[in-house]
Protein backbone atom coordinates (compact mmCIF):
# COMPACT_ATOMS: atom_id res chain seq x y z
CA MET A 1 -40.03 -45.57 -25.39
CA VAL A 2 -38.31 -42.41 -25.20
CA ILE A 3 -34.89 -42.86 -26.21
CA GLU A 4 -33.51 -38.98 -26.80
CA ARG A 5 -34.95 -36.51 -25.20
CA SER A 6 -33.90 -32.15 -26.29
CA GLU A 7 -35.43 -28.77 -24.81
CA ALA A 8 -37.58 -27.30 -26.84
CA ARG A 9 -36.49 -24.39 -28.98
CA LEU A 10 -38.57 -21.77 -30.89
CA PRO A 11 -37.27 -21.93 -34.44
CA PRO A 12 -35.82 -19.66 -36.52
CA LEU A 13 -38.73 -17.35 -38.92
CA GLU A 14 -36.50 -19.37 -41.67
CA GLU A 15 -37.46 -22.80 -40.79
CA ILE A 16 -40.77 -21.87 -40.55
CA LEU A 17 -41.22 -19.55 -43.30
CA ASP A 18 -43.24 -21.80 -45.66
CA ARG A 19 -45.38 -23.08 -43.37
CA VAL A 20 -46.47 -19.42 -42.10
CA ARG A 21 -47.32 -18.87 -45.69
CA LEU A 22 -49.13 -21.54 -46.97
CA ASP A 23 -51.13 -21.21 -43.47
CA TRP A 24 -51.79 -17.57 -44.20
CA ILE A 25 -52.70 -17.91 -47.59
CA ALA A 26 -55.23 -20.92 -46.72
CA GLU A 27 -56.88 -18.16 -44.25
CA GLU A 28 -57.80 -15.69 -46.33
CA GLU A 29 -58.68 -18.25 -49.09
CA GLU A 30 -61.35 -19.68 -46.57
CA GLY A 31 -62.16 -16.31 -45.64
CA LEU A 32 -62.66 -15.33 -49.36
CA LEU A 33 -64.66 -18.44 -49.97
CA GLN A 34 -66.50 -18.26 -46.66
CA ALA A 35 -67.96 -14.94 -48.00
CA GLU A 36 -69.00 -15.96 -51.52
CA VAL A 37 -70.84 -18.70 -49.59
CA ASP A 38 -72.70 -15.90 -47.89
CA GLU A 39 -73.55 -13.65 -50.77
CA LEU A 40 -75.02 -16.39 -52.70
CA TRP A 41 -76.84 -18.06 -49.57
CA SER A 42 -78.52 -14.55 -48.93
CA GLN A 43 -79.31 -14.27 -52.57
CA TYR A 44 -80.82 -18.10 -52.49
CA THR A 45 -82.87 -17.10 -49.15
CA SER A 46 -84.00 -13.92 -50.86
CA LEU A 47 -85.83 -15.44 -53.43
């Protein structure tokens, strides 16, 4: 049951800055980790 409805809005950057920063860091770390895994995998398959 819907009690109240409000229009959609784009929040100001200050409201979402921490989430944006954490998402960016997570993506960077995931990329670095995948690069390490790929390097280890290539060494393992080369043996």
